[in-house]
Amino acid sequence: MYEEGMSIMKEEDRRKALIALKNLAMALNKYHSALTAEYVNESLVELQKEQAMAFAGSFLYFLQKSSNLRISEGIELNEVEEARWREVSSLKTVANGLFFGMGL
């Protein structure tokens, strides 16, 4: 299947994504009690349980759905929240790399 030592998604990248997501959740919880904040919290719990390909797919789904929720709720982010949101969004390329590598 995979060579020893070869990982679909590096554990370090997964860890970075979870830390960024936790920071976003904390910022949103501090300033908003919106559906978006609730979804970020629930997603963090679920993503912490997932590994490798399942994590990457769920993370990409999270990015799309959370952006849609934020837009539909009309949430305006403050400076801290915006920085956290950008940090999480910047990790999209890590998860995208998995699917490009698979030819999807």
PDB file of N, CA and C in Angstrom:
ATOM      1  N   MET A   1       0.832  -1.188   0.000  1.00  0.00           N
ATOM      2  CA  MET A   1       0.000   0.000   0.000  1.00  0.00           C
ATOM      3  C   MET A   1       0.876   1.252   0.000  1.00  0.00           C
ATOM      4  N   TYR A   2       1.448   1.620   1.128  1.00  0.00           N
ATOM      5  CA  TYR A   2       2.351   2.762   1.219  1.00  0.00           C
ATOM      6  C   TYR A   2       3.680   2.289   1.760  1.00  0.00           C
ATOM      7  N   GLU A   3       4.755   2.931   1.327  1.00  0.00           N
ATOM      8  CA  GLU A   3       6.069   2.593   1.847  1.00  0.00           C
ATOM      9  C   GLU A   3       6.173   3.036   3.295  1.00  0.00           C
ATOM     10  N   GLU A   4       6.984   2.302   4.046  1.00  0.00           N
ATOM     11  CA  GLU A   4       7.209   2.661   5.445  1.00  0.00           C
ATOM     12  C   GLU A   4       7.744   4.087   5.509  1.00  0.00           C
ATOM     13  N   GLY A   5       7.248   4.866   6.440  1.00  0.00           N
ATOM     14  CA  GLY A   5       7.697   6.244   6.604  1.00  0.00           C
ATOM     15  C   GLY A   5       6.981   7.227   5.691  1.00  0.00           C
ATOM     16  N   MET A   6       6.224   6.718   4.713  1.00  0.00           N
ATOM     17  CA  MET A   6       5.490   7.592   3.805  1.00  0.00           C
ATOM     18  C   MET A   6       4.116   7.868   4.399  1.00  0.00           C
ATOM     19  N   SER A   7       3.752   9.106   4.434  1.00  0.00           N
ATOM     20  CA  SER A   7       2.477   9.485   5.020  1.00  0.00           C
ATOM     21  C   SER A   7       1.673  10.275   4.005  1.00  0.00           C
ATOM     22  N   ILE A   8       0.383  10.052   3.969  1.00  0.00           N
ATOM     23  CA  ILE A   8      -0.469  10.803   3.055  1.00  0.00           C
ATOM     24  C   ILE A   8      -0.480  12.270   3.454  1.00  0.00           C
ATOM     25  N   MET A   9      -0.680  12.536   4.690  1.00  0.00           N
ATOM     26  CA  MET A   9      -0.637  13.895   5.211  1.00  0.00           C
ATOM     27  C   MET A   9       0.284  13.867   6.412  1.00  0.00           C
ATOM     28  N   LYS A  10       1.283  14.697   6.388  1.00  0.00           N
ATOM     29  CA  LYS A  10       2.244  14.700   7.482  1.00  0.00           C
ATOM     30  C   LYS A  10       1.556  15.011   8.802  1.00  0.00           C
ATOM     31  N   GLU A  11       1.970  14.321   9.837  1.00  0.00           N
ATOM     32  CA  GLU A  11       1.399  14.540  11.165  1.00  0.00           C
ATOM     33  C   GLU A  11       1.621  15.983  11.606  1.00  0.00           C
ATOM     34  N   GLU A  12       2.753  16.546  11.236  1.00  0.00           N
ATOM     35  CA  GLU A  12       3.047  17.940  11.594  1.00  0.00           C
ATOM     36  C   GLU A  12       2.029  18.891  10.959  1.00  0.00           C
ATOM     37  N   ASP A  13       1.643  18.631   9.715  1.00  0.00           N
ATOM     38  CA  ASP A  13       0.633  19.454   9.040  1.00  0.00           C
ATOM     39  C   ASP A  13      -0.724  19.302   9.716  1.00  0.00           C
ATOM     40  N   ARG A  14      -1.059  18.085  10.090  1.00  0.00           N
ATOM     41  CA  ARG A  14      -2.318  17.825  10.795  1.00  0.00           C
ATOM     42  C   ARG A  14      -2.333  18.579  12.119  1.00  0.00           C
ATOM     43  N   ARG A  15      -1.219  18.519  12.830  1.00  0.00           N
ATOM     44  CA  ARG A  15      -1.101  19.207  14.115  1.00  0.00           C
ATOM     45  C   ARG A  15      -1.262  20.717  13.933  1.00  0.00           C
ATOM     46  N   LYS A  16      -0.624  21.280  12.921  1.00  0.00           N
ATOM     47  CA  LYS A  16      -0.743  22.716  12.642  1.00  0.00           C
ATOM     48  C   LYS A  16      -2.193  23.096  12.357  1.00  0.00           C
ATOM     49  N   ALA A  17      -2.866  22.274  11.572  1.00  0.00           N
ATOM     50  CA  ALA A  17      -4.260  22.552  11.236  1.00  0.00           C
ATOM     51  C   ALA A  17      -5.137  22.519  12.483  1.00  0.00           C
ATOM     52  N   LEU A  18      -4.913  21.548  13.355  1.00  0.00           N
ATOM     53  CA  LEU A  18      -5.715  21.451  14.582  1.00  0.00           C
ATOM     54  C   LEU A  18      -5.449  22.626  15.519  1.00  0.00           C
ATOM     55  N   ILE A  19      -4.207  23.042  15.631  1.00  0.00           N
ATOM     56  CA  ILE A  19      -3.881  24.196  16.480  1.00  0.00           C
ATOM     57  C   ILE A  19      -4.526  25.456  15.913  1.00  0.00           C
ATOM     58  N   ALA A  20      -4.425  25.650  14.601  1.00  0.00           N
ATOM     59  CA  ALA A  20      -5.034  26.819  13.966  1.00  0.00           C
ATOM     60  C   ALA A  20      -6.548  26.812  14.157  1.00  0.00           C
ATOM     61  N   LEU A  21      -7.151  25.646  14.022  1.00  0.00           N
ATOM     62  CA  LEU A  21      -8.599  25.522  14.196  1.00  0.00           C
ATOM     63  C   LEU A  21      -9.007  25.797  15.642  1.00  0.00           C
ATOM     64  N   LYS A  22      -8.213  25.326  16.589  1.00  0.00           N
ATOM     65  CA  LYS A  22      -8.494  25.588  17.999  1.00  0.00           C
ATOM     66  C   LYS A  22      -8.404  27.085  18.292  1.00  0.00           C
ATOM     67  N   ASN A  23      -7.402  27.753  17.735  1.00  0.00           N
ATOM     68  CA  ASN A  23      -7.260  29.198  17.923  1.00  0.00           C
ATOM     69  C   ASN A  23      -8.438  29.955  17.322  1.00  0.00           C
ATOM     70  N   LEU A  24      -8.901  29.510  16.158  1.00  0.00           N
ATOM     71  CA  LEU A  24     -10.073  30.128  15.533  1.00  0.00           C
ATOM     72  C   LEU A  24     -11.305  29.916  16.398  1.00  0.00           C
ATOM     73  N   ALA A  25     -11.490  28.703  16.884  1.00  0.00           N
ATOM     74  CA  ALA A  25     -12.649  28.399  17.731  1.00  0.00           C
ATOM     75  C   ALA A  25     -12.659  29.284  18.976  1.00  0.00           C
ATOM     76  N   MET A  26     -11.505  29.445  19.601  1.00  0.00           N
ATOM     77  CA  MET A  26     -11.431  30.283  20.808  1.00  0.00           C
ATOM     78  C   MET A  26     -11.780  31.733  20.490  1.00  0.00           C
ATOM     79  N   ALA A  27     -11.284  32.254  19.376  1.00  0.00           N
ATOM     80  CA  ALA A  27     -11.576  33.638  18.999  1.00  0.00           C
ATOM     81  C   ALA A  27     -13.056  33.817  18.682  1.00  0.00           C
ATOM     82  N   LEU A  28     -13.627  32.899  17.911  1.00  0.00           N
ATOM     83  CA  LEU A  28     -15.047  33.011  17.566  1.00  0.00           C
ATOM     84  C   LEU A  28     -15.932  32.887  18.803  1.00  0.00           C
ATOM     85  N   ASN A  29     -15.581  31.995  19.714  1.00  0.00           N
ATOM     86  CA  ASN A  29     -16.367  31.824  20.937  1.00  0.00           C
ATOM     87  C   ASN A  29     -16.326  33.065  21.813  1.00  0.00           C
ATOM     88  N   LYS A  30     -15.225  33.769  21.761  1.00  0.00           N
ATOM     89  CA  LYS A  30     -15.074  34.975  22.586  1.00  0.00           C
ATOM     90  C   LYS A  30     -15.964  36.111  22.084  1.00  0.00           C
ATOM     91  N   TYR A  31     -16.136  36.209  20.767  1.00  0.00           N
ATOM     92  CA  TYR A  31     -16.831  37.362  20.198  1.00  0.00           C
ATOM     93  C   TYR A  31     -18.186  37.047  19.569  1.00  0.00           C
ATOM     94  N   HIS A  32     -18.468  35.785  19.296  1.00  0.00           N
ATOM     95  CA  HIS A  32     -19.718  35.427  18.615  1.00  0.00           C
ATOM     96  C   HIS A  32     -20.325  34.174  19.242  1.00  0.00           C
ATOM     97  N   SER A  33     -21.630  34.142  19.288  1.00  0.00           N
ATOM     98  CA  SER A  33     -22.311  32.899  19.675  1.00  0.00           C
ATOM     99  C   SER A  33     -23.154  32.449  18.485  1.00  0.00           C
ATOM    100  N   ALA A  34     -22.554  32.523  17.318  1.00  0.00           N
ATOM    101  CA  ALA A  34     -23.249  32.239  16.075  1.00  0.00           C
ATOM    102  C   ALA A  34     -23.118  30.769  15.688  1.00  0.00           C
ATOM    103  N   LEU A  35     -23.898  30.388  14.705  1.00  0.00           N
ATOM    104  CA  LEU A  35     -23.870  29.032  14.169  1.00  0.00           C
ATOM    105  C   LEU A  35     -22.475  28.682  13.640  1.00  0.00           C
ATOM    106  N   THR A  36     -21.802  29.656  13.062  1.00  0.00           N
ATOM    107  CA  THR A  36     -20.446  29.422  12.556  1.00  0.00           C
ATOM    108  C   THR A  36     -19.514  29.014  13.683  1.00  0.00           C
ATOM    109  N   ALA A  37     -19.579  29.709  14.813  1.00  0.00           N
ATOM    110  CA  ALA A  37     -18.729  29.373  15.965  1.00  0.00           C
ATOM    111  C   ALA A  37     -19.041  27.967  16.464  1.00  0.00           C
ATOM    112  N   GLU A  38     -20.307  27.630  16.512  1.00  0.00           N
ATOM    113  CA  GLU A  38     -20.721  26.290  16.943  1.00  0.00           C
ATOM    114  C   GLU A  38     -20.188  25.222  15.983  1.00  0.00           C
ATOM    115  N   TYR A  39     -20.283  25.494  14.691  1.00  0.00           N
ATOM    116  CA  TYR A  39     -19.795  24.543  13.691  1.00  0.00           C
ATOM    117  C   TYR A  39     -18.276  24.353  13.799  1.00  0.00           C
ATOM    118  N   VAL A  40     -17.544  25.432  14.034  1.00  0.00           N
ATOM    119  CA  VAL A  40     -16.089  25.338  14.191  1.00  0.00           C
ATOM    120  C   VAL A  40     -15.759  24.459  15.397  1.00  0.00           C
ATOM    121  N   ASN A  41     -16.465  24.659  16.503  1.00  0.00           N
ATOM    122  CA  ASN A  41     -16.238  23.842  17.703  1.00  0.00           C
ATOM    123  C   ASN A  41     -16.512  22.362  17.443  1.00  0.00           C
ATOM    124  N   GLU A  42     -17.643  22.070  16.821  1.00  0.00           N
ATOM    125  CA  GLU A  42     -18.001  20.679  16.526  1.00  0.00           C
ATOM    126  C   GLU A  42     -16.998  20.040  15.567  1.00  0.00           C
ATOM    127  N   SER A  43     -16.573  20.797  14.578  1.00  0.00           N
ATOM    128  CA  SER A  43     -15.611  20.280  13.601  1.00  0.00           C
ATOM    129  C   SER A  43     -14.265  19.997  14.241  1.00  0.00           C
ATOM    130  N   LEU A  44     -13.849  20.846  15.159  1.00  0.00           N
ATOM    131  CA  LEU A  44     -12.584  20.630  15.859  1.00  0.00           C
ATOM    132  C   LEU A  44     -12.605  19.292  16.587  1.00  0.00           C
ATOM    133  N   VAL A  45     -13.691  19.015  17.285  1.00  0.00           N
ATOM    134  CA  VAL A  45     -13.823  17.749  18.015  1.00  0.00           C
ATOM    135  C   VAL A  45     -13.745  16.565  17.048  1.00  0.00           C
ATOM    136  N   GLU A  46     -14.456  16.654  15.938  1.00  0.00           N
ATOM    137  CA  GLU A  46     -14.470  15.556  14.966  1.00  0.00           C
ATOM    138  C   GLU A  46     -13.119  15.394  14.274  1.00  0.00           C
ATOM    139  N   LEU A  47     -12.496  16.495  13.893  1.00  0.00           N
ATOM    140  CA  LEU A  47     -11.213  16.416  13.196  1.00  0.00           C
ATOM    141  C   LEU A  47     -10.104  15.859  14.082  1.00  0.00           C
ATOM    142  N   GLN A  48     -10.209  16.071  15.377  1.00  0.00           N
ATOM    143  CA  GLN A  48      -9.197  15.535  16.288  1.00  0.00           C
ATOM    144  C   GLN A  48      -9.194  14.007  16.280  1.00  0.00           C
ATOM    145  N   LYS A  49     -10.289  13.403  15.873  1.00  0.00           N
ATOM    146  CA  LYS A  49     -10.411  11.942  15.844  1.00  0.00           C
ATOM    147  C   LYS A  49      -9.896  11.334  14.540  1.00  0.00           C
ATOM    148  N   GLU A  50      -9.707  12.148  13.511  1.00  0.00           N
ATOM    149  CA  GLU A  50      -9.397  11.624  12.183  1.00  0.00           C
ATOM    150  C   GLU A  50      -7.913  11.691  11.861  1.00  0.00           C
ATOM    151  N   GLN A  51      -7.491  10.809  10.973  1.00  0.00           N
ATOM    152  CA  GLN A  51      -6.093  10.706  10.555  1.00  0.00           C
ATOM    153  C   GLN A  51      -6.002  10.763   9.036  1.00  0.00           C
ATOM    154  N   ALA A  52      -4.839  11.114   8.547  1.00  0.00           N
ATOM    155  CA  ALA A  52      -4.436  11.016   7.145  1.00  0.00           C
ATOM    156  C   ALA A  52      -5.501  11.471   6.154  1.00  0.00           C
ATOM    157  N   MET A  53      -5.905  10.574   5.254  1.00  0.00           N
ATOM    158  CA  MET A  53      -6.803  10.944   4.174  1.00  0.00           C
ATOM    159  C   MET A  53      -8.163  11.394   4.700  1.00  0.00           C
ATOM    160  N   ALA A  54      -8.681  10.741   5.709  1.00  0.00           N
ATOM    161  CA  ALA A  54      -9.971  11.146   6.283  1.00  0.00           C
ATOM    162  C   ALA A  54      -9.875  12.554   6.848  1.00  0.00           C
ATOM    163  N   PHE A  55      -8.761  12.869   7.490  1.00  0.00           N
ATOM    164  CA  PHE A  55      -8.568  14.209   8.038  1.00  0.00           C
ATOM    165  C   PHE A  55      -8.545  15.238   6.913  1.00  0.00           C
ATOM    166  N   ALA A  56      -7.767  14.967   5.882  1.00  0.00           N
ATOM    167  CA  ALA A  56      -7.635  15.920   4.776  1.00  0.00           C
ATOM    168  C   ALA A  56      -8.982  16.192   4.113  1.00  0.00           C
ATOM    169  N   GLY A  57      -9.743  15.149   3.839  1.00  0.00           N
ATOM    170  CA  GLY A  57     -11.052  15.323   3.221  1.00  0.00           C
ATOM    171  C   GLY A  57     -12.015  16.090   4.108  1.00  0.00           C
ATOM    172  N   SER A  58     -12.035  15.758   5.382  1.00  0.00           N
ATOM    173  CA  SER A  58     -12.919  16.444   6.330  1.00  0.00           C
ATOM    174  C   SER A  58     -12.500  17.895   6.523  1.00  0.00           C
ATOM    175  N   PHE A  59     -11.200  18.144   6.508  1.00  0.00           N
ATOM    176  CA  PHE A  59     -10.702  19.512   6.666  1.00  0.00           C
ATOM    177  C   PHE A  59     -11.119  20.376   5.475  1.00  0.00           C
ATOM    178  N   LEU A  60     -10.997  19.841   4.272  1.00  0.00           N
ATOM    179  CA  LEU A  60     -11.431  20.590   3.085  1.00  0.00           C
ATOM    180  C   LEU A  60     -12.932  20.860   3.125  1.00  0.00           C
ATOM    181  N   TYR A  61     -13.712  19.872   3.551  1.00  0.00           N
ATOM    182  CA  TYR A  61     -15.157  20.058   3.683  1.00  0.00           C
ATOM    183  C   TYR A  61     -15.451  21.142   4.723  1.00  0.00           C
ATOM    184  N   PHE A  62     -14.730  21.096   5.841  1.00  0.00           N
ATOM    185  CA  PHE A  62     -14.895  22.106   6.883  1.00  0.00           C
ATOM    186  C   PHE A  62     -14.648  23.508   6.323  1.00  0.00           C
ATOM    187  N   LEU A  63     -13.565  23.681   5.569  1.00  0.00           N
ATOM    188  CA  LEU A  63     -13.237  25.003   5.026  1.00  0.00           C
ATOM    189  C   LEU A  63     -14.370  25.547   4.168  1.00  0.00           C
ATOM    190  N   GLN A  64     -14.927  24.706   3.317  1.00  0.00           N
ATOM    191  CA  GLN A  64     -16.010  25.140   2.437  1.00  0.00           C
ATOM    192  C   GLN A  64     -17.275  25.476   3.228  1.00  0.00           C
ATOM    193  N   LYS A  65     -17.679  24.573   4.102  1.00  0.00           N
ATOM    194  CA  LYS A  65     -18.927  24.776   4.845  1.00  0.00           C
ATOM    195  C   LYS A  65     -18.826  25.955   5.809  1.00  0.00           C
ATOM    196  N   SER A  66     -17.706  26.091   6.498  1.00  0.00           N
ATOM    197  CA  SER A  66     -17.572  27.190   7.457  1.00  0.00           C
ATOM    198  C   SER A  66     -17.590  28.541   6.741  1.00  0.00           C
ATOM    199  N   SER A  67     -16.986  28.618   5.567  1.00  0.00           N
ATOM    200  CA  SER A  67     -17.028  29.864   4.789  1.00  0.00           C
ATOM    201  C   SER A  67     -18.451  30.189   4.365  1.00  0.00           C
ATOM    202  N   ASN A  68     -19.174  29.173   3.923  1.00  0.00           N
ATOM    203  CA  ASN A  68     -20.571  29.383   3.526  1.00  0.00           C
ATOM    204  C   ASN A  68     -21.425  29.823   4.708  1.00  0.00           C
ATOM    205  N   LEU A  69     -21.241  29.194   5.870  1.00  0.00           N
ATOM    206  CA  LEU A  69     -21.999  29.584   7.066  1.00  0.00           C
ATOM    207  C   LEU A  69     -21.699  31.023   7.453  1.00  0.00           C
ATOM    208  N   ARG A  70     -20.429  31.362   7.456  1.00  0.00           N
ATOM    209  CA  ARG A  70     -20.010  32.717   7.832  1.00  0.00           C
ATOM    210  C   ARG A  70     -20.653  33.754   6.916  1.00  0.00           C
ATOM    211  N   ILE A  71     -20.650  33.490   5.617  1.00  0.00           N
ATOM    212  CA  ILE A  71     -21.243  34.421   4.657  1.00  0.00           C
ATOM    213  C   ILE A  71     -22.753  34.507   4.856  1.00  0.00           C
ATOM    214  N   SER A  72     -23.412  33.367   5.011  1.00  0.00           N
ATOM    215  CA  SER A  72     -24.873  33.372   5.150  1.00  0.00           C
ATOM    216  C   SER A  72     -25.325  34.032   6.451  1.00  0.00           C
ATOM    217  N   GLU A  73     -24.512  33.938   7.496  1.00  0.00           N
ATOM    218  CA  GLU A  73     -24.850  34.592   8.763  1.00  0.00           C
ATOM    219  C   GLU A  73     -24.478  36.070   8.768  1.00  0.00           C
ATOM    220  N   GLY A  74     -23.668  36.481   7.813  1.00  0.00           N
ATOM    221  CA  GLY A  74     -23.247  37.875   7.749  1.00  0.00           C
ATOM    222  C   GLY A  74     -22.291  38.264   8.868  1.00  0.00           C
ATOM    223  N   ILE A  75     -21.509  37.311   9.341  1.00  0.00           N
ATOM    224  CA  ILE A  75     -20.568  37.582  10.429  1.00  0.00           C
ATOM    225  C   ILE A  75     -19.415  38.433   9.914  1.00  0.00           C
ATOM    226  N   GLU A  76     -19.169  39.525  10.611  1.00  0.00           N
ATOM    227  CA  GLU A  76     -18.011  40.361  10.311  1.00  0.00           C
ATOM    228  C   GLU A  76     -16.967  40.076  11.367  1.00  0.00           C
ATOM    229  N   LEU A  77     -15.809  39.651  10.911  1.00  0.00           N
ATOM    230  CA  LEU A  77     -14.745  39.272  11.827  1.00  0.00           C
ATOM    231  C   LEU A  77     -13.942  40.488  12.265  1.00  0.00           C
ATOM    232  N   ASN A  78     -13.525  40.464  13.530  1.00  0.00           N
ATOM    233  CA  ASN A  78     -12.626  41.511  13.999  1.00  0.00           C
ATOM    234  C   ASN A  78     -11.205  41.145  13.576  1.00  0.00           C
ATOM    235  N   GLU A  79     -10.243  41.954  13.946  1.00  0.00           N
ATOM    236  CA  GLU A  79      -8.856  41.753  13.516  1.00  0.00           C
ATOM    237  C   GLU A  79      -8.291  40.398  13.965  1.00  0.00           C
ATOM    238  N   VAL A  80      -8.568  40.018  15.207  1.00  0.00           N
ATOM    239  CA  VAL A  80      -8.067  38.750  15.744  1.00  0.00           C
ATOM    240  C   VAL A  80      -8.708  37.575  15.010  1.00  0.00           C
ATOM    241  N   GLU A  81     -10.021  37.614  14.871  1.00  0.00           N
ATOM    242  CA  GLU A  81     -10.735  36.528  14.184  1.00  0.00           C
ATOM    243  C   GLU A  81     -10.291  36.398  12.725  1.00  0.00           C
ATOM    244  N   GLU A  82     -10.108  37.532  12.075  1.00  0.00           N
ATOM    245  CA  GLU A  82      -9.673  37.519  10.673  1.00  0.00           C
ATOM    246  C   GLU A  82      -8.305  36.857  10.533  1.00  0.00           C
ATOM    247  N   ALA A  83      -7.398  37.177  11.447  1.00  0.00           N
ATOM    248  CA  ALA A  83      -6.062  36.560  11.421  1.00  0.00           C
ATOM    249  C   ALA A  83      -6.157  35.054  11.630  1.00  0.00           C
ATOM    250  N   ARG A  84      -7.003  34.634  12.555  1.00  0.00           N
ATOM    251  CA  ARG A  84      -7.180  33.199  12.819  1.00  0.00           C
ATOM    252  C   ARG A  84      -7.825  32.497  11.625  1.00  0.00           C
ATOM    253  N   TRP A  85      -8.801  33.161  11.011  1.00  0.00           N
ATOM    254  CA  TRP A  85      -9.484  32.587   9.852  1.00  0.00           C
ATOM    255  C   TRP A  85      -8.494  32.390   8.705  1.00  0.00           C
ATOM    256  N   ARG A  86      -7.664  33.396   8.475  1.00  0.00           N
ATOM    257  CA  ARG A  86      -6.662  33.301   7.401  1.00  0.00           C
ATOM    258  C   ARG A  86      -5.646  32.195   7.687  1.00  0.00           C
ATOM    259  N   GLU A  87      -5.292  32.042   8.955  1.00  0.00           N
ATOM    260  CA  GLU A  87      -4.343  30.997   9.337  1.00  0.00           C
ATOM    261  C   GLU A  87      -4.905  29.613   9.002  1.00  0.00           C
ATOM    262  N   VAL A  88      -6.162  29.386   9.338  1.00  0.00           N
ATOM    263  CA  VAL A  88      -6.806  28.102   9.030  1.00  0.00           C
ATOM    264  C   VAL A  88      -6.919  27.925   7.513  1.00  0.00           C
ATOM    265  N   SER A  89      -7.376  28.952   6.832  1.00  0.00           N
ATOM    266  CA  SER A  89      -7.562  28.862   5.379  1.00  0.00           C
ATOM    267  C   SER A  89      -6.255  28.625   4.636  1.00  0.00           C
ATOM    268  N   SER A  90      -5.166  29.146   5.163  1.00  0.00           N
ATOM    269  CA  SER A  90      -3.871  28.980   4.493  1.00  0.00           C
ATOM    270  C   SER A  90      -3.424  27.523   4.460  1.00  0.00           C
ATOM    271  N   LEU A  91      -3.981  26.699   5.311  1.00  0.00           N
ATOM    272  CA  LEU A  91      -3.605  25.282   5.367  1.00  0.00           C
ATOM    273  C   LEU A  91      -4.359  24.435   4.339  1.00  0.00           C
ATOM    274  N   LYS A  92      -5.213  25.081   3.562  1.00  0.00           N
ATOM    275  CA  LYS A  92      -5.969  24.369   2.522  1.00  0.00           C
ATOM    276  C   LYS A  92      -5.031  23.670   1.544  1.00  0.00           C
ATOM    277  N   THR A  93      -3.913  24.289   1.219  1.00  0.00           N
ATOM    278  CA  THR A  93      -2.991  23.702   0.247  1.00  0.00           C
ATOM    279  C   THR A  93      -2.415  22.380   0.737  1.00  0.00           C
ATOM    280  N   VAL A  94      -2.254  22.235   2.041  1.00  0.00           N
ATOM    281  CA  VAL A  94      -1.745  20.979   2.602  1.00  0.00           C
ATOM    282  C   VAL A  94      -2.722  19.849   2.302  1.00  0.00           C
ATOM    283  N   ALA A  95      -3.992  20.085   2.571  1.00  0.00           N
ATOM    284  CA  ALA A  95      -5.010  19.065   2.320  1.00  0.00           C
ATOM    285  C   ALA A  95      -5.236  18.868   0.821  1.00  0.00           C
ATOM    286  N   ASN A  96      -5.201  19.954   0.054  1.00  0.00           N
ATOM    287  CA  ASN A  96      -5.374  19.841  -1.397  1.00  0.00           C
ATOM    288  C   ASN A  96      -4.299  18.982  -2.025  1.00  0.00           C
ATOM    289  N   GLY A  97      -3.080  19.054  -1.516  1.00  0.00           N
ATOM    290  CA  GLY A  97      -1.974  18.277  -2.051  1.00  0.00           C
ATOM    291  C   GLY A  97      -2.259  16.792  -2.053  1.00  0.00           C
ATOM    292  N   LEU A  98      -2.993  16.332  -1.082  1.00  0.00           N
ATOM    293  CA  LEU A  98      -3.353  14.917  -1.004  1.00  0.00           C
ATOM    294  C   LEU A  98      -4.146  14.499  -2.234  1.00  0.00           C
ATOM    295  N   PHE A  99      -5.154  15.263  -2.579  1.00  0.00           N
ATOM    296  CA  PHE A  99      -6.029  14.875  -3.674  1.00  0.00           C
ATOM    297  C   PHE A  99      -5.362  15.033  -5.029  1.00  0.00           C
ATOM    298  N   PHE A 100      -4.505  16.053  -5.184  1.00  0.00           N
ATOM    299  CA  PHE A 100      -3.769  16.190  -6.439  1.00  0.00           C
ATOM    300  C   PHE A 100      -2.821  15.014  -6.610  1.00  0.00           C
ATOM    301  N   GLY A 101      -2.214  14.566  -5.519  1.00  0.00           N
ATOM    302  CA  GLY A 101      -1.295  13.434  -5.566  1.00  0.00           C
ATOM    303  C   GLY A 101      -1.994  12.134  -5.925  1.00  0.00           C
ATOM    304  N   MET A 102      -3.273  12.061  -5.632  1.00  0.00           N
ATOM    305  CA  MET A 102      -4.045  10.851  -5.933  1.00  0.00           C
ATOM    306  C   MET A 102      -4.630  10.905  -7.342  1.00  0.00           C
ATOM    307  N   GLY A 103      -4.480  12.037  -8.021  1.00  0.00           N
ATOM    308  CA  GLY A 103      -5.039  12.173  -9.356  1.00  0.00           C
ATOM    309  C   GLY A 103      -6.516  12.490  -9.358  1.00  0.00           C
ATOM    310  N   LEU A 104      -7.022  13.008  -8.236  1.00  0.00           N
ATOM    311  CA  LEU A 104      -8.445  13.362  -8.166  1.00  0.00           C
ATOM    312  C   LEU A 104      -8.655  14.806  -8.539  1.00  0.00           C
TER     313      LEU A 104
END
